[in-house]
Amino acid sequence: QVQLVESGGGLVQTGGSLRLSCTASGATLNYYAIGWFRQAPGKGREHVSCIRGGGDSSTYFAESVRGRFTISRDTAKNTVYLQMDNLKPEDTAVYYCAADTGGHNCSPYSTEGGHDYWGQGTQVTVSS
């Protein structure tokens, strides 16, 4: 059974940085497209970033985070990272990683429904 576990969330001041990790058990993440979503209180889930799988490392970033967030893989650790720099209070949310076993679901049009597995989420709070 595939399980995704996010970690690395926490409380940080405006302008600070955090690195979120999405680690898998039961599967090799390298073949999967991995998306990061976030959900702020009272709001819907927002697609933040993603990276394609299967050797195609194409990435996508939402306009709200472009230039501040980066996404990367460590195949040896079976982990995908979301590096978040210059954080703002509006980045406060629960962040989720999700896996598309087909490997291609990474674009501005990626939706929650296009992913097969989800992590439990990690809280990111940015204080002003």
N, C-alpha and C. Protein backbone atom coordinates (compact mmCIF):
# COMPACT_ATOMS: atom_id res chain seq x y z
N GLN A 1 0.85 -1.20 0.00
CA GLN A 1 0.00 0.00 0.00
C GLN A 1 0.88 1.24 0.00
N VAL A 2 0.53 2.18 -0.85
CA VAL A 2 1.31 3.41 -0.96
C VAL A 2 0.88 4.39 0.12
N GLN A 3 1.85 4.93 0.80
CA GLN A 3 1.58 5.98 1.79
C GLN A 3 2.52 7.15 1.54
N LEU A 4 1.95 8.33 1.62
CA LEU A 4 2.74 9.56 1.51
C LEU A 4 2.72 10.26 2.86
N VAL A 5 3.86 10.74 3.27
CA VAL A 5 3.97 11.44 4.55
C VAL A 5 4.66 12.77 4.32
N GLU A 6 3.97 13.86 4.69
CA GLU A 6 4.57 15.18 4.61
C GLU A 6 5.20 15.53 5.95
N SER A 7 6.24 16.32 5.88
CA SER A 7 6.88 16.84 7.09
C SER A 7 7.55 18.16 6.76
N GLY A 8 7.96 18.86 7.81
CA GLY A 8 8.71 20.09 7.61
C GLY A 8 7.91 21.36 7.84
N GLY A 9 6.62 21.23 8.11
CA GLY A 9 5.84 22.42 8.38
C GLY A 9 6.20 23.01 9.73
N GLY A 10 5.65 24.18 10.00
CA GLY A 10 5.91 24.83 11.28
C GLY A 10 5.52 26.28 11.26
N LEU A 11 5.99 27.00 12.25
CA LEU A 11 5.71 28.42 12.40
C LEU A 11 6.97 29.21 12.02
N VAL A 12 6.80 30.18 11.14
CA VAL A 12 7.93 30.98 10.68
C VAL A 12 7.48 32.42 10.51
N GLN A 13 8.40 33.34 10.64
CA GLN A 13 8.07 34.75 10.44
C GLN A 13 8.06 35.10 8.96
N THR A 14 7.41 36.19 8.64
CA THR A 14 7.39 36.70 7.26
C THR A 14 8.82 36.85 6.76
N GLY A 15 9.04 36.36 5.55
CA GLY A 15 10.37 36.41 4.96
C GLY A 15 11.22 35.19 5.23
N GLY A 16 10.73 34.32 6.10
CA GLY A 16 11.47 33.12 6.45
C GLY A 16 11.30 32.01 5.42
N SER A 17 11.91 30.87 5.72
CA SER A 17 11.90 29.73 4.79
C SER A 17 11.53 28.45 5.52
N LEU A 18 10.95 27.56 4.77
CA LEU A 18 10.69 26.20 5.24
C LEU A 18 10.90 25.25 4.06
N ARG A 19 11.26 24.02 4.37
CA ARG A 19 11.35 23.00 3.34
C ARG A 19 10.42 21.85 3.73
N LEU A 20 9.43 21.63 2.90
CA LEU A 20 8.51 20.52 3.12
C LEU A 20 9.03 19.28 2.40
N SER A 21 8.80 18.14 3.02
CA SER A 21 9.19 16.86 2.43
C SER A 21 7.96 16.00 2.22
N CYS A 22 7.97 15.26 1.15
CA CYS A 22 6.93 14.28 0.86
C CYS A 22 7.64 12.96 0.61
N THR A 23 7.54 12.06 1.57
CA THR A 23 8.24 10.78 1.49
C THR A 23 7.24 9.65 1.32
N ALA A 24 7.60 8.71 0.46
CA ALA A 24 6.69 7.62 0.15
C ALA A 24 7.18 6.29 0.70
N SER A 25 6.23 5.45 1.03
CA SER A 25 6.50 4.04 1.31
C SER A 25 5.57 3.23 0.43
N GLY A 26 6.07 2.09 -0.02
CA GLY A 26 5.24 1.23 -0.85
C GLY A 26 5.29 1.55 -2.33
N ALA A 27 6.08 2.53 -2.72
CA ALA A 27 6.17 2.89 -4.13
C ALA A 27 7.43 3.71 -4.36
N THR A 28 7.86 3.75 -5.63
CA THR A 28 9.00 4.58 -6.01
C THR A 28 8.48 5.87 -6.60
N LEU A 29 8.69 6.96 -5.88
CA LEU A 29 8.12 8.24 -6.29
C LEU A 29 8.67 8.74 -7.62
N ASN A 30 9.82 8.28 -8.01
CA ASN A 30 10.44 8.79 -9.23
C ASN A 30 9.54 8.63 -10.45
N TYR A 31 8.68 7.64 -10.45
CA TYR A 31 7.81 7.41 -11.60
C TYR A 31 6.52 8.23 -11.56
N TYR A 32 6.24 8.83 -10.43
CA TYR A 32 4.98 9.52 -10.23
C TYR A 32 5.14 11.02 -10.42
N ALA A 33 4.09 11.63 -10.92
CA ALA A 33 4.01 13.08 -10.82
C ALA A 33 3.56 13.41 -9.39
N ILE A 34 4.22 14.37 -8.79
CA ILE A 34 3.91 14.77 -7.42
C ILE A 34 3.44 16.21 -7.41
N GLY A 35 2.30 16.41 -6.82
CA GLY A 35 1.76 17.76 -6.69
C GLY A 35 1.72 18.19 -5.24
N TRP A 36 1.87 19.48 -5.05
CA TRP A 36 1.69 20.08 -3.73
C TRP A 36 0.45 20.97 -3.80
N PHE A 37 -0.44 20.78 -2.86
CA PHE A 37 -1.65 21.57 -2.72
C PHE A 37 -1.64 22.20 -1.34
N ARG A 38 -2.42 23.25 -1.18
CA ARG A 38 -2.56 23.84 0.14
C ARG A 38 -4.00 24.29 0.35
N GLN A 39 -4.39 24.30 1.61
CA GLN A 39 -5.74 24.72 1.96
C GLN A 39 -5.69 25.61 3.18
N ALA A 40 -6.07 26.85 2.97
CA ALA A 40 -6.14 27.81 4.07
C ALA A 40 -7.51 27.71 4.73
N PRO A 41 -7.63 28.16 5.97
CA PRO A 41 -8.92 28.09 6.67
C PRO A 41 -10.03 28.78 5.89
N GLY A 42 -11.13 28.07 5.68
CA GLY A 42 -12.28 28.65 5.01
C GLY A 42 -12.15 28.75 3.51
N LYS A 43 -11.09 28.18 2.94
CA LYS A 43 -10.87 28.27 1.50
C LYS A 43 -10.76 26.88 0.87
N GLY A 44 -10.88 26.84 -0.42
CA GLY A 44 -10.71 25.59 -1.14
C GLY A 44 -9.26 25.21 -1.27
N ARG A 45 -9.02 24.00 -1.75
CA ARG A 45 -7.65 23.52 -1.90
C ARG A 45 -7.05 24.11 -3.16
N GLU A 46 -5.86 24.66 -3.03
CA GLU A 46 -5.17 25.34 -4.12
C GLU A 46 -3.98 24.52 -4.60
N HIS A 47 -3.84 24.39 -5.91
CA HIS A 47 -2.69 23.70 -6.49
C HIS A 47 -1.51 24.67 -6.49
N VAL A 48 -0.43 24.30 -5.83
CA VAL A 48 0.69 25.20 -5.63
C VAL A 48 1.83 24.89 -6.59
N SER A 49 2.18 23.63 -6.72
CA SER A 49 3.34 23.25 -7.51
C SER A 49 3.26 21.77 -7.84
N CYS A 50 4.04 21.36 -8.84
CA CYS A 50 4.12 19.93 -9.15
C CYS A 50 5.38 19.65 -9.96
N ILE A 51 5.71 18.36 -10.02
CA ILE A 51 6.85 17.91 -10.81
C ILE A 51 6.45 16.60 -11.48
N ARG A 52 6.77 16.47 -12.75
CA ARG A 52 6.42 15.26 -13.47
C ARG A 52 7.34 14.12 -13.09
N GLY A 53 6.93 12.90 -13.45
CA GLY A 53 7.71 11.73 -13.11
C GLY A 53 8.28 11.05 -14.33
N GLY A 54 8.93 9.91 -14.09
CA GLY A 54 9.43 9.09 -15.17
C GLY A 54 10.55 9.70 -15.96
N GLY A 55 11.38 10.50 -15.32
CA GLY A 55 12.51 11.10 -16.00
C GLY A 55 12.22 12.47 -16.59
N ASP A 56 10.97 12.82 -16.68
CA ASP A 56 10.59 14.17 -17.14
C ASP A 56 10.40 15.02 -15.89
N SER A 57 11.32 15.89 -15.65
CA SER A 57 11.26 16.69 -14.42
C SER A 57 10.65 18.05 -14.65
N SER A 58 9.73 18.15 -15.59
CA SER A 58 9.04 19.42 -15.81
C SER A 58 8.32 19.81 -14.53
N THR A 59 8.30 21.09 -14.27
CA THR A 59 7.67 21.60 -13.06
C THR A 59 6.65 22.68 -13.37
N TYR A 60 5.83 22.96 -12.39
CA TYR A 60 4.84 24.03 -12.49
C TYR A 60 4.75 24.70 -11.13
N PHE A 61 4.54 26.02 -11.17
CA PHE A 61 4.31 26.79 -9.95
C PHE A 61 3.15 27.74 -10.17
N ALA A 62 2.28 27.80 -9.19
CA ALA A 62 1.21 28.78 -9.24
C ALA A 62 1.81 30.18 -9.22
N GLU A 63 1.10 31.10 -9.81
CA GLU A 63 1.60 32.47 -9.88
C GLU A 63 1.86 33.04 -8.49
N SER A 64 1.06 32.64 -7.53
CA SER A 64 1.18 33.18 -6.18
C SER A 64 2.49 32.79 -5.49
N VAL A 65 3.17 31.74 -5.99
CA VAL A 65 4.39 31.28 -5.34
C VAL A 65 5.59 31.29 -6.27
N ARG A 66 5.38 31.61 -7.53
CA ARG A 66 6.46 31.56 -8.52
C ARG A 66 7.57 32.52 -8.13
N GLY A 67 8.79 32.02 -8.20
CA GLY A 67 9.94 32.83 -7.82
C GLY A 67 10.30 32.72 -6.35
N ARG A 68 9.41 32.13 -5.55
CA ARG A 68 9.68 31.96 -4.11
C ARG A 68 9.77 30.49 -3.71
N PHE A 69 9.08 29.63 -4.43
CA PHE A 69 9.07 28.20 -4.11
C PHE A 69 9.83 27.44 -5.20
N THR A 70 10.49 26.37 -4.81
CA THR A 70 11.09 25.45 -5.77
C THR A 70 10.71 24.02 -5.37
N ILE A 71 10.73 23.13 -6.34
CA ILE A 71 10.37 21.74 -6.10
C ILE A 71 11.49 20.86 -6.64
N SER A 72 11.79 19.77 -5.94
CA SER A 72 12.88 18.91 -6.36
C SER A 72 12.65 17.49 -5.85
N ARG A 73 13.41 16.57 -6.43
CA ARG A 73 13.34 15.17 -6.02
C ARG A 73 14.69 14.70 -5.48
N ASP A 74 14.63 13.80 -4.53
CA ASP A 74 15.81 13.04 -4.12
C ASP A 74 15.43 11.58 -4.29
N THR A 75 15.86 10.99 -5.41
CA THR A 75 15.42 9.63 -5.70
C THR A 75 15.97 8.63 -4.68
N ALA A 76 17.16 8.89 -4.17
CA ALA A 76 17.75 7.98 -3.19
C ALA A 76 16.92 7.93 -1.91
N LYS A 77 16.31 9.05 -1.56
CA LYS A 77 15.50 9.12 -0.35
C LYS A 77 14.01 8.95 -0.64
N ASN A 78 13.69 8.76 -1.93
CA ASN A 78 12.28 8.57 -2.31
C ASN A 78 11.41 9.71 -1.78
N THR A 79 11.92 10.92 -1.98
CA THR A 79 11.31 12.10 -1.38
C THR A 79 11.25 13.23 -2.40
N VAL A 80 10.17 13.98 -2.33
CA VAL A 80 10.04 15.22 -3.10
C VAL A 80 9.98 16.36 -2.10
N TYR A 81 10.72 17.43 -2.42
CA TYR A 81 10.80 18.59 -1.53
C TYR A 81 10.10 19.79 -2.14
N LEU A 82 9.52 20.59 -1.28
CA LEU A 82 9.03 21.90 -1.66
C LEU A 82 9.75 22.92 -0.80
N GLN A 83 10.68 23.62 -1.41
CA GLN A 83 11.44 24.66 -0.72
C GLN A 83 10.66 25.96 -0.83
N MET A 84 10.36 26.53 0.30
CA MET A 84 9.54 27.74 0.34
C MET A 84 10.35 28.87 0.97
N ASP A 85 10.64 29.87 0.19
CA ASP A 85 11.42 31.02 0.64
C ASP A 85 10.57 32.29 0.61
N ASN A 86 11.05 33.30 1.33
CA ASN A 86 10.35 34.59 1.37
C ASN A 86 8.85 34.38 1.66
N LEU A 87 8.58 33.63 2.68
CA LEU A 87 7.20 33.29 3.02
C LEU A 87 6.41 34.51 3.46
N LYS A 88 5.13 34.47 3.13
CA LYS A 88 4.22 35.55 3.44
C LYS A 88 3.06 35.01 4.29
N PRO A 89 2.38 35.87 5.03
CA PRO A 89 1.25 35.39 5.84
C PRO A 89 0.19 34.67 5.00
N GLU A 90 0.03 35.08 3.74
CA GLU A 90 -0.97 34.42 2.89
C GLU A 90 -0.56 33.02 2.47
N ASP A 91 0.65 32.61 2.79
CA ASP A 91 1.08 31.23 2.54
C ASP A 91 0.61 30.29 3.65
N THR A 92 0.06 30.84 4.71
CA THR A 92 -0.41 30.02 5.82
C THR A 92 -1.51 29.08 5.35
N ALA A 93 -1.30 27.79 5.59
CA ALA A 93 -2.25 26.77 5.13
C ALA A 93 -1.76 25.40 5.57
N VAL A 94 -2.60 24.42 5.38
CA VAL A 94 -2.17 23.03 5.47
C VAL A 94 -1.71 22.62 4.08
N TYR A 95 -0.51 22.08 4.01
CA TYR A 95 0.07 21.69 2.73
C TYR A 95 0.01 20.17 2.59
N TYR A 96 -0.44 19.74 1.42
CA TYR A 96 -0.59 18.33 1.12
C TYR A 96 0.24 17.98 -0.12
N CYS A 97 0.84 16.80 -0.11
CA CYS A 97 1.41 16.28 -1.34
C CYS A 97 0.51 15.17 -1.86
N ALA A 98 0.53 15.01 -3.17
CA ALA A 98 -0.33 14.03 -3.82
C ALA A 98 0.41 13.41 -4.99
N ALA A 99 0.13 12.15 -5.25
CA ALA A 99 0.85 11.42 -6.29
C ALA A 99 -0.08 10.98 -7.41
N ASP A 100 0.36 11.19 -8.62
CA ASP A 100 -0.31 10.69 -9.82
C ASP A 100 0.52 9.55 -10.36
N THR A 101 0.00 8.32 -10.29
CA THR A 101 0.80 7.17 -10.70
C THR A 101 1.09 7.15 -12.19
N GLY A 102 0.34 7.90 -12.97
CA GLY A 102 0.60 7.96 -14.40
C GLY A 102 1.84 8.77 -14.74
N GLY A 103 2.23 9.66 -13.82
CA GLY A 103 3.47 10.39 -14.00
C GLY A 103 3.37 11.69 -14.77
N HIS A 104 2.20 11.98 -15.36
CA HIS A 104 2.14 13.13 -16.26
C HIS A 104 1.28 14.27 -15.75
N ASN A 105 0.58 14.06 -14.65
CA ASN A 105 -0.37 15.07 -14.19
C ASN A 105 0.36 16.21 -13.50
N CYS A 106 0.92 17.08 -14.28
CA CYS A 106 1.60 18.26 -13.74
C CYS A 106 1.47 19.37 -14.76
N SER A 107 0.55 20.28 -14.51
CA SER A 107 0.33 21.40 -15.41
C SER A 107 -0.49 22.43 -14.65
N PRO A 108 -0.69 23.59 -15.26
CA PRO A 108 -1.56 24.58 -14.61
C PRO A 108 -2.99 24.08 -14.41
N TYR A 109 -3.35 22.99 -15.10
CA TYR A 109 -4.72 22.50 -15.06
C TYR A 109 -4.88 21.28 -14.17
N SER A 110 -3.83 20.90 -13.46
CA SER A 110 -3.91 19.75 -12.57
C SER A 110 -4.94 19.99 -11.48
N THR A 111 -5.72 18.95 -11.20
CA THR A 111 -6.76 19.05 -10.19
C THR A 111 -6.56 17.97 -9.13
N GLU A 112 -7.29 18.13 -8.04
CA GLU A 112 -7.20 17.14 -6.97
C GLU A 112 -7.58 15.76 -7.46
N GLY A 113 -8.58 15.70 -8.31
CA GLY A 113 -9.10 14.41 -8.77
C GLY A 113 -8.13 13.62 -9.61
N GLY A 114 -7.09 14.26 -10.10
CA GLY A 114 -6.13 13.58 -10.96
C GLY A 114 -5.02 12.88 -10.20
N HIS A 115 -5.16 12.76 -8.89
CA HIS A 115 -4.12 12.15 -8.07
C HIS A 115 -4.66 10.93 -7.35
N ASP A 116 -3.79 9.94 -7.20
CA ASP A 116 -4.21 8.65 -6.67
C ASP A 116 -3.97 8.50 -5.17
N TYR A 117 -2.96 9.18 -4.68
CA TYR A 117 -2.60 9.06 -3.26
C TYR A 117 -2.33 10.44 -2.68
N TRP A 118 -2.68 10.57 -1.41
CA TRP A 118 -2.52 11.84 -0.70
C TRP A 118 -1.85 11.61 0.66
N GLY A 119 -1.09 12.61 1.06
CA GLY A 119 -0.58 12.61 2.42
C GLY A 119 -1.60 13.21 3.37
N GLN A 120 -1.22 13.25 4.64
CA GLN A 120 -2.14 13.71 5.67
C GLN A 120 -2.08 15.23 5.87
N GLY A 121 -1.07 15.85 5.31
CA GLY A 121 -0.93 17.30 5.41
C GLY A 121 0.01 17.74 6.51
N THR A 122 0.60 18.90 6.32
CA THR A 122 1.47 19.51 7.32
C THR A 122 1.14 21.00 7.39
N GLN A 123 1.06 21.52 8.60
CA GLN A 123 0.64 22.90 8.81
C GLN A 123 1.82 23.85 8.63
N VAL A 124 1.60 24.88 7.85
CA VAL A 124 2.55 25.97 7.69
C VAL A 124 1.87 27.25 8.16
N THR A 125 2.50 27.92 9.11
CA THR A 125 1.96 29.18 9.63
C THR A 125 3.02 30.25 9.52
N VAL A 126 2.66 31.34 8.84
CA VAL A 126 3.60 32.44 8.65
C VAL A 126 3.06 33.64 9.42
N SER A 127 3.82 34.10 10.40
CA SER A 127 3.38 35.22 11.22
C SER A 127 3.86 36.53 10.62
N SER A 128 3.05 37.57 10.81
CA SER A 128 3.40 38.89 10.25
C SER A 128 4.21 39.70 11.22
